[in-house]
Every structure is written in C-alpha cells, then in structure tokens.
PDB file of N, CA and C in Angstrom:
ATOM      1  N   MET A   1     -52.036  51.929  91.646  1.00  0.00           N
ATOM      2  CA  MET A   1     -52.307  51.147  90.784  1.00  0.00           C
ATOM      3  C   MET A   1     -50.887  51.595  90.239  1.00  0.00           C
ATOM      4  N   THR A   2     -50.069  50.562  90.123  1.00  0.00           N
ATOM      5  CA  THR A   2     -48.301  50.545  89.077  1.00  0.00           C
ATOM      6  C   THR A   2     -49.767  50.185  87.797  1.00  0.00           C
ATOM      7  N   LEU A   3     -48.440  50.030  86.676  1.00  0.00           N
ATOM      8  CA  LEU A   3     -48.517  49.605  85.320  1.00  0.00           C
ATOM      9  C   LEU A   3     -48.943  48.186  85.581  1.00  0.00           C
ATOM     10  N   ASP A   4     -48.022  47.496  86.204  1.00  0.00           N
ATOM     11  CA  ASP A   4     -48.170  46.473  86.184  1.00  0.00           C
ATOM     12  C   ASP A   4     -49.187  45.131  86.723  1.00  0.00           C
ATOM     13  N   ASP A   5     -49.624  45.852  88.027  1.00  0.00           N
ATOM     14  CA  ASP A   5     -51.334  45.650  88.707  1.00  0.00           C
ATOM     15  C   ASP A   5     -52.971  46.118  87.050  1.00  0.00           C
ATOM     16  N   LEU A   6     -52.729  47.226  86.953  1.00  0.00           N
ATOM     17  CA  LEU A   6     -53.158  46.847  86.026  1.00  0.00           C
ATOM     18  C   LEU A   6     -53.609  46.048  84.666  1.00  0.00           C
ATOM     19  N   GLY A   7     -52.327  45.461  84.289  1.00  0.00           N
ATOM     20  CA  GLY A   7     -51.987  44.830  83.429  1.00  0.00           C
ATOM     21  C   GLY A   7     -52.312  43.503  84.728  1.00  0.00           C
ATOM     22  N   GLU A   8     -52.064  42.092  85.424  1.00  0.00           N
ATOM     23  CA  GLU A   8     -52.311  41.518  85.734  1.00  0.00           C
ATOM     24  C   GLU A   8     -54.284  42.056  85.591  1.00  0.00           C
ATOM     25  N   CYS A   9     -54.874  43.061  85.892  1.00  0.00           N
ATOM     26  CA  CYS A   9     -55.675  43.148  86.355  1.00  0.00           C
ATOM     27  C   CYS A   9     -56.820  42.751  85.578  1.00  0.00           C
ATOM     28  N   ILE A  10     -56.441  43.611  83.559  1.00  0.00           N
ATOM     29  CA  ILE A  10     -56.873  42.571  82.930  1.00  0.00           C
ATOM     30  C   ILE A  10     -57.056  42.098  82.233  1.00  0.00           C
ATOM     31  N   ARG A  11     -55.557  40.858  82.766  1.00  0.00           N
ATOM     32  CA  ARG A  11     -54.968  39.606  82.476  1.00  0.00           C
ATOM     33  C   ARG A  11     -57.060  38.722  82.808  1.00  0.00           C
ATOM     34  N   GLU A  12     -56.163  38.854  84.674  1.00  0.00           N
ATOM     35  CA  GLU A  12     -57.590  38.496  84.957  1.00  0.00           C
ATOM     36  C   GLU A  12     -59.061  37.988  84.651  1.00  0.00           C
ATOM     37  N   LYS A  13     -59.310  39.792  84.248  1.00  0.00           N
ATOM     38  CA  LYS A  13     -60.500  40.160  83.456  1.00  0.00           C
ATOM     39  C   LYS A  13     -60.733  38.916  82.126  1.00  0.00           C
ATOM     40  N   LEU A  14     -59.884  39.321  81.380  1.00  0.00           N
ATOM     41  CA  LEU A  14     -59.385  38.682  80.210  1.00  0.00           C
ATOM     42  C   LEU A  14     -60.017  37.100  80.457  1.00  0.00           C
ATOM     43  N   ILE A  15     -59.200  36.530  81.639  1.00  0.00           N
ATOM     44  CA  ILE A  15     -59.964  35.087  81.376  1.00  0.00           C
ATOM     45  C   ILE A  15     -60.453  34.441  82.110  1.00  0.00           C
ATOM     46  N   GLU A  16     -61.192  35.668  82.567  1.00  0.00           N
ATOM     47  CA  GLU A  16     -62.533  35.302  83.561  1.00  0.00           C
ATOM     48  C   GLU A  16     -63.540  35.310  82.632  1.00  0.00           C
ATOM     49  N   SER A  17     -63.705  36.365  81.088  1.00  0.00           N
ATOM     50  CA  SER A  17     -64.578  36.631  80.392  1.00  0.00           C
ATOM     51  C   SER A  17     -64.566  34.719  79.414  1.00  0.00           C
ATOM     52  N   LYS A  18     -62.897  35.038  78.940  1.00  0.00           N
ATOM     53  CA  LYS A  18     -62.601  33.926  78.438  1.00  0.00           C
ATOM     54  C   LYS A  18     -63.104  31.944  78.416  1.00  0.00           C
ATOM     55  N   LEU A  19     -62.957  32.264  80.035  1.00  0.00           N
ATOM     56  CA  LEU A  19     -63.591  31.382  81.051  1.00  0.00           C
ATOM     57  C   LEU A  19     -65.147  30.618  80.949  1.00  0.00           C
ATOM     58  N   MET A  20     -66.348  31.994  81.035  1.00  0.00           N
ATOM     59  CA  MET A  20     -67.384  32.091  81.126  1.00  0.00           C
ATOM     60  C   MET A  20     -68.277  31.787  79.436  1.00  0.00           C
ATOM     61  N   ASP A  21     -66.708  32.159  78.609  1.00  0.00           N
ATOM     62  CA  ASP A  21     -67.442  32.096  77.136  1.00  0.00           C
ATOM     63  C   ASP A  21     -67.541  30.540  77.174  1.00  0.00           C
ATOM     64  N   ILE A  22     -65.884  29.943  77.472  1.00  0.00           N
ATOM     65  CA  ILE A  22     -66.670  28.541  76.468  1.00  0.00           C
ATOM     66  C   ILE A  22     -67.610  27.610  78.079  1.00  0.00           C
ATOM     67  N   VAL A  23     -67.593  28.191  79.826  1.00  0.00           N
ATOM     68  CA  VAL A  23     -69.066  26.732  79.899  1.00  0.00           C
ATOM     69  C   VAL A  23     -70.208  28.222  80.265  1.00  0.00           C
ATOM     70  N   CYS A  24     -70.621  28.098  78.620  1.00  0.00           N
ATOM     71  CA  CYS A  24     -72.057  28.963  79.454  1.00  0.00           C
ATOM     72  C   CYS A  24     -72.414  29.507  77.806  1.00  0.00           C
ATOM     73  N   ARG A  25     -71.091  28.544  77.358  1.00  0.00           N
ATOM     74  CA  ARG A  25     -71.676  29.664  75.324  1.00  0.00           C
ATOM     75  C   ARG A  25     -73.060  28.554  75.388  1.00  0.00           C
ATOM     76  N   ASP A  26     -72.984  27.478  75.609  1.00  0.00           N
ATOM     77  CA  ASP A  26     -73.280  25.865  74.939  1.00  0.00           C
ATOM     78  C   ASP A  26     -74.789  25.848  75.842  1.00  0.00           C
ATOM     79  N   GLN A  27     -74.090  27.227  77.013  1.00  0.00           N
ATOM     80  CA  GLN A  27     -75.980  26.583  77.772  1.00  0.00           C
ATOM     81  C   GLN A  27     -76.676  26.895  77.741  1.00  0.00           C
ATOM     82  N   VAL A  28     -76.239  28.932  77.226  1.00  0.00           N
ATOM     83  CA  VAL A  28     -76.958  30.326  76.845  1.00  0.00           C
ATOM     84  C   VAL A  28     -77.941  30.031  75.570  1.00  0.00           C
ATOM     85  N   GLU A  29     -77.356  29.423  74.341  1.00  0.00           N
ATOM     86  CA  GLU A  29     -77.687  28.564  73.876  1.00  0.00           C
ATOM     87  C   GLU A  29     -78.841  27.950  73.072  1.00  0.00           C
ATOM     88  N   LYS A  30     -78.545  26.949  74.526  1.00  0.00           N
ATOM     89  CA  LYS A  30     -79.852  25.343  75.304  1.00  0.00           C
ATOM     90  C   LYS A  30     -80.944  25.509  74.982  1.00  0.00           C
ATOM     91  N   TYR A  31     -80.154  27.226  76.087  1.00  0.00           N
ATOM     92  CA  TYR A  31     -81.949  27.238  77.560  1.00  0.00           C
ATOM     93  C   TYR A  31     -82.200  28.210  75.928  1.00  0.00           C
ATOM     94  N   TYR A  32     -81.969  29.350  75.213  1.00  0.00           N
ATOM     95  CA  TYR A  32     -82.708  30.418  73.973  1.00  0.00           C
ATOM     96  C   TYR A  32     -83.448  29.274  73.397  1.00  0.00           C
ATOM     97  N   TYR A  33     -82.246  27.938  72.681  1.00  0.00           N
ATOM     98  CA  TYR A  33     -84.418  27.200  71.571  1.00  0.00           C
ATOM     99  C   TYR A  33     -84.429  26.904  72.472  1.00  0.00           C
ATOM    100  N   GLU A  34     -84.932  26.548  74.084  1.00  0.00           N
ATOM    101  CA  GLU A  34     -85.637  25.392  74.448  1.00  0.00           C
ATOM    102  C   GLU A  34     -87.259  26.334  75.070  1.00  0.00           C
ATOM    103  N   GLN A  35     -85.703  27.815  75.234  1.00  0.00           N
ATOM    104  CA  GLN A  35     -87.612  29.144  75.758  1.00  0.00           C
ATOM    105  C   GLN A  35     -88.448  30.292  74.582  1.00  0.00           C
ATOM    106  N   ARG A  36     -87.535  29.288  73.359  1.00  0.00           N
ATOM    107  CA  ARG A  36     -87.306  30.352  72.290  1.00  0.00           C
ATOM    108  C   ARG A  36     -88.885  30.963  72.640  1.00  0.00           C
ATOM    109  N   ILE A  37     -90.033  30.476  72.822  1.00  0.00           N
ATOM    110  CA  ILE A  37     -91.255  30.602  72.081  1.00  0.00           C
ATOM    111  C   ILE A  37     -92.058  32.256  73.048  1.00  0.00           C
ATOM    112  N   SER A  38     -91.020  31.731  74.409  1.00  0.00           N
ATOM    113  CA  SER A  38     -91.639  32.787  75.254  1.00  0.00           C
ATOM    114  C   SER A  38     -90.714  33.606  75.559  1.00  0.00           C
ATOM    115  N   PHE A  39     -90.095  34.060  74.824  1.00  0.00           N
ATOM    116  CA  PHE A  39     -88.921  35.319  74.044  1.00  0.00           C
ATOM    117  C   PHE A  39     -89.823  36.119  73.153  1.00  0.00           C
ATOM    118  N   ASP A  40     -90.547  36.172  73.104  1.00  0.00           N
ATOM    119  CA  ASP A  40     -92.033  36.560  71.374  1.00  0.00           C
ATOM    120  C   ASP A  40     -92.939  36.823  72.081  1.00  0.00           C
ATOM    121  N   THR A  41     -93.128  37.104  73.445  1.00  0.00           N
ATOM    122  CA  THR A  41     -93.932  37.664  74.540  1.00  0.00           C
ATOM    123  C   THR A  41     -93.682  38.592  75.422  1.00  0.00           C
ATOM    124  N   ALA A  42     -94.461  39.739  75.845  1.00  0.00           N
ATOM    125  CA  ALA A  42     -94.632  40.202  76.420  1.00  0.00           C
ATOM    126  C   ALA A  42     -95.570  40.813  77.385  1.00  0.00           C
ATOM    127  N   VAL A  43     -95.262  40.776  78.677  1.00  0.00           N
ATOM    128  CA  VAL A  43     -96.184  41.676  79.455  1.00  0.00           C
ATOM    129  C   VAL A  43     -96.380  42.552  79.720  1.00  0.00           C
ATOM    130  N   ILE A  44     -97.017  44.041  79.574  1.00  0.00           N
ATOM    131  CA  ILE A  44     -96.769  45.190  79.930  1.00  0.00           C
ATOM    132  C   ILE A  44     -98.078  45.636  81.363  1.00  0.00           C
ATOM    133  N   SER A  45     -97.569  45.334  82.259  1.00  0.00           N
ATOM    134  CA  SER A  45     -98.208  46.396  83.842  1.00  0.00           C
ATOM    135  C   SER A  45     -98.135  48.027  83.314  1.00  0.00           C
ATOM    136  N   GLN A  46     -99.610  47.868  84.252  1.00  0.00           N
ATOM    137  CA  GLN A  46     -99.231  49.780  84.446  1.00  0.00           C
ATOM    138  C   GLN A  46     -99.809  49.545  85.465  1.00  0.00           C
ATOM    139  N   ILE A  47     -99.496  50.986  86.811  1.00  0.00           N
ATOM    140  CA  ILE A  47    -100.536  51.449  88.070  1.00  0.00           C
ATOM    141  C   ILE A  47    -101.236  52.403  87.288  1.00  0.00           C
ATOM    142  N   ILE A  48    -102.445  52.237  87.789  1.00  0.00           N
ATOM    143  CA  ILE A  48    -103.176  53.639  87.552  1.00  0.00           C
ATOM    144  C   ILE A  48    -104.558  53.803  88.391  1.00  0.00           C
ATOM    145  N   MET A  49    -103.763  54.810  90.025  1.00  0.00           N
ATOM    146  CA  MET A  49    -104.213  54.994  91.642  1.00  0.00           C
ATOM    147  C   MET A  49    -104.749  57.314  91.116  1.00  0.00           C
ATOM    148  N   THR A  50    -105.837  57.310  92.313  1.00  0.00           N
ATOM    149  CA  THR A  50    -105.908  58.596  91.772  1.00  0.00           C
ATOM    150  C   THR A  50    -105.576  59.121  93.713  1.00  0.00           C
ATOM    151  N   GLU A  51    -104.491  58.555  94.435  1.00  0.00           N
ATOM    152  CA  GLU A  51    -104.522  59.443  96.023  1.00  0.00           C
ATOM    153  C   GLU A  51    -103.496  58.749  95.596  1.00  0.00           C
ATOM    154  N   TYR A  52    -102.571  60.031  95.663  1.00  0.00           N
ATOM    155  CA  TYR A  52    -101.072  60.633  95.300  1.00  0.00           C
ATOM    156  C   TYR A  52    -100.693  59.610  96.653  1.00  0.00           C
ATOM    157  N   GLY A  53    -101.217  59.940  98.605  1.00  0.00           N
ATOM    158  CA  GLY A  53    -100.505  59.301 100.012  1.00  0.00           C
ATOM    159  C   GLY A  53    -100.575  57.404  99.725  1.00  0.00           C
ATOM    160  N   ALA A  54    -101.735  56.566  98.995  1.00  0.00           N
ATOM    161  CA  ALA A  54    -101.266  55.368  98.222  1.00  0.00           C
ATOM    162  C   ALA A  54    -100.207  55.432  97.451  1.00  0.00           C
ATOM    163  N   ILE A  55    -100.503  55.937  95.926  1.00  0.00           N
ATOM    164  CA  ILE A  55     -98.524  56.406  95.567  1.00  0.00           C
ATOM    165  C   ILE A  55     -98.214  56.634  95.515  1.00  0.00           C
ATOM    166  N   ARG A  56     -97.411  57.124  96.910  1.00  0.00           N
ATOM    167  CA  ARG A  56     -95.943  56.456  97.395  1.00  0.00           C
ATOM    168  C   ARG A  56     -95.790  55.690  98.333  1.00  0.00           C
ATOM    169  N   GLU A  57     -96.605  55.606  99.068  1.00  0.00           N
ATOM    170  CA  GLU A  57     -96.955  54.146  99.301  1.00  0.00           C
ATOM    171  C   GLU A  57     -96.452  52.951  99.062  1.00  0.00           C
ATOM    172  N   LEU A  58     -97.325  53.021  97.581  1.00  0.00           N
ATOM    173  CA  LEU A  58     -96.456  51.131  96.629  1.00  0.00           C
ATOM    174  C   LEU A  58     -95.229  51.823  95.142  1.00  0.00           C
ATOM    175  N   MET A  59     -94.954  52.982  96.141  1.00  0.00           N
ATOM    176  CA  MET A  59     -93.900  53.083  94.794  1.00  0.00           C
ATOM    177  C   MET A  59     -92.634  53.435  96.353  1.00  0.00           C
ATOM    178  N   TYR A  60     -93.191  53.005  97.812  1.00  0.00           N
ATOM    179  CA  TYR A  60     -92.091  53.194  98.312  1.00  0.00           C
ATOM    180  C   TYR A  60     -91.690  51.299  98.703  1.00  0.00           C
ATOM    181  N   CYS A  61     -92.745  50.311  98.310  1.00  0.00           N
ATOM    182  CA  CYS A  61     -93.595  49.075  98.980  1.00  0.00           C
ATOM    183  C   CYS A  61     -92.531  48.465  96.664  1.00  0.00           C
ATOM    184  N   ILE A  62     -92.582  48.990  96.101  1.00  0.00           N
ATOM    185  CA  ILE A  62     -91.962  48.783  95.102  1.00  0.00           C
ATOM    186  C   ILE A  62     -89.930  48.914  94.707  1.00  0.00           C
ATOM    187  N   GLU A  63     -89.837  49.937  95.134  1.00  0.00           N
ATOM    188  CA  GLU A  63     -88.997  50.173  95.925  1.00  0.00           C
ATOM    189  C   GLU A  63     -87.660  49.105  96.409  1.00  0.00           C
ATOM    190  N   GLU A  64     -88.203  49.365  97.314  1.00  0.00           N
ATOM    191  CA  GLU A  64     -88.264  47.789  98.968  1.00  0.00           C
ATOM    192  C   GLU A  64     -87.801  46.671  98.253  1.00  0.00           C
ATOM    193  N   GLY A  65     -88.393  46.448  96.460  1.00  0.00           N
ATOM    194  CA  GLY A  65     -88.462  44.976  96.597  1.00  0.00           C
ATOM    195  C   GLY A  65     -89.928  44.259  96.383  1.00  0.00           C
ATOM    196  N   GLY A  66     -90.514  45.132  96.212  1.00  0.00           N
ATOM    197  CA  GLY A  66     -91.927  44.644  95.843  1.00  0.00           C
ATOM    198  C   GLY A  66     -92.272  44.673  93.872  1.00  0.00           C
ATOM    199  N   ASP A  67     -93.137  43.600  93.692  1.00  0.00           N
ATOM    200  CA  ASP A  67     -93.228  42.677  92.069  1.00  0.00           C
ATOM    201  C   ASP A  67     -94.133  43.955  92.559  1.00  0.00           C
ATOM    202  N   PHE A  68     -93.867  44.843  90.773  1.00  0.00           N
ATOM    203  CA  PHE A  68     -94.280  45.605  90.758  1.00  0.00           C
ATOM    204  C   PHE A  68     -95.959  45.021  89.961  1.00  0.00           C
ATOM    205  N   TYR A  69     -95.601  43.699  88.927  1.00  0.00           N
ATOM    206  CA  TYR A  69     -96.867  43.274  89.105  1.00  0.00           C
ATOM    207  C   TYR A  69     -98.491  42.768  89.660  1.00  0.00           C
ATOM    208  N   THR A  70     -97.030  41.902  90.498  1.00  0.00           N
ATOM    209  CA  THR A  70     -98.737  41.381  91.544  1.00  0.00           C
ATOM    210  C   THR A  70     -99.930  43.208  92.767  1.00  0.00           C
ATOM    211  N   PHE A  71     -98.477  44.365  92.522  1.00  0.00           N
ATOM    212  CA  PHE A  71     -99.268  45.261  92.768  1.00  0.00           C
ATOM    213  C   PHE A  71    -100.358  45.764  91.594  1.00  0.00           C
ATOM    214  N   ALA A  72     -99.690  45.334  90.284  1.00  0.00           N
ATOM    215  CA  ALA A  72    -100.587  46.165  89.389  1.00  0.00           C
ATOM    216  C   ALA A  72    -101.810  46.025  88.977  1.00  0.00           C
ATOM    217  N   SER A  73    -102.311  44.169  89.250  1.00  0.00           N
ATOM    218  CA  SER A  73    -103.271  43.744  88.805  1.00  0.00           C
ATOM    219  C   SER A  73    -103.905  44.137  90.581  1.00  0.00           C
ATOM    220  N   GLN A  74    -103.344  44.100  91.939  1.00  0.00           N
ATOM    221  CA  GLN A  74    -103.726  44.629  92.942  1.00  0.00           C
ATOM    222  C   GLN A  74    -104.703  45.788  93.267  1.00  0.00           C
ATOM    223  N   TYR A  75    -104.045  46.709  92.615  1.00  0.00           N
ATOM    224  CA  TYR A  75    -104.371  48.259  93.361  1.00  0.00           C
ATOM    225  C   TYR A  75    -104.561  48.717  92.663  1.00  0.00           C
ATOM    226  N   SER A  76    -104.113  48.329  91.066  1.00  0.00           N
ATOM    227  CA  SER A  76    -104.572  49.403  89.388  1.00  0.00           C
ATOM    228  C   SER A  76    -106.453  49.416  89.414  1.00  0.00           C
ATOM    229  N   LEU A  77    -106.031  51.271  89.519  1.00  0.00           N
ATOM    230  CA  LEU A  77    -107.501  51.122  88.778  1.00  0.00           C
ATOM    231  C   LEU A  77    -108.235  51.017  87.051  1.00  0.00           C
ATOM    232  N   ASP A  78    -106.648  50.435  86.875  1.00  0.00           N
ATOM    233  CA  ASP A  78    -107.203  50.179  84.921  1.00  0.00           C
ATOM    234  C   ASP A  78    -107.717  48.988  84.901  1.00  0.00           C
ATOM    235  N   GLU A  79    -108.623  48.823  84.124  1.00  0.00           N
ATOM    236  CA  GLU A  79    -108.788  47.393  83.488  1.00  0.00           C
ATOM    237  C   GLU A  79    -108.112  46.430  83.187  1.00  0.00           C
ATOM    238  N   PRO A  80    -107.891  45.484  83.978  1.00  0.00           N
ATOM    239  CA  PRO A  80    -106.785  44.587  82.827  1.00  0.00           C
ATOM    240  C   PRO A  80    -106.706  43.844  81.257  1.00  0.00           C
TER     241      PRO A  80
END
C-alpha cells in the first residue's frame, strides 16, 4: 500500500463517516426518544445445570446462534 493509497482509504472512510452521521443522526435521536423507557430496564438470565454433558451441549447450541434467554427459561434449574 502506498502513501497515496492510504490517504485515499482514509478519505473514503471519513466521507462515509460524515455521511452516516448526517443520514442517521435524526433517526437515532428519534428512536431513542421513542424507546427511552425500554432503556431503563434490563433482563438478566442465567442457566444453572448440574449435568456436564447437558451443559456442553447447551453451550454448543448457544455458540451456534441459539437464543440464550429461551434456553435459560427452558433448561435452567434456577427459579425465574
């Protein structure tokens, strides 16, 4: 990569960043104000299991894109 290539790459990233700021700024603020009540809470889940094989299988499912919250509500020995 030459110095000119680097300069062009930085220029493109800067233009992209400025464009995203202009296009999205109003949308982000609007979304935040419409959804701000939902940002005041959090849902925390944990999975408590005793069998090692089941734990490994569940970890694999989560790593492959499974929904942690759904698995926690279905398989955890902990009370919700």
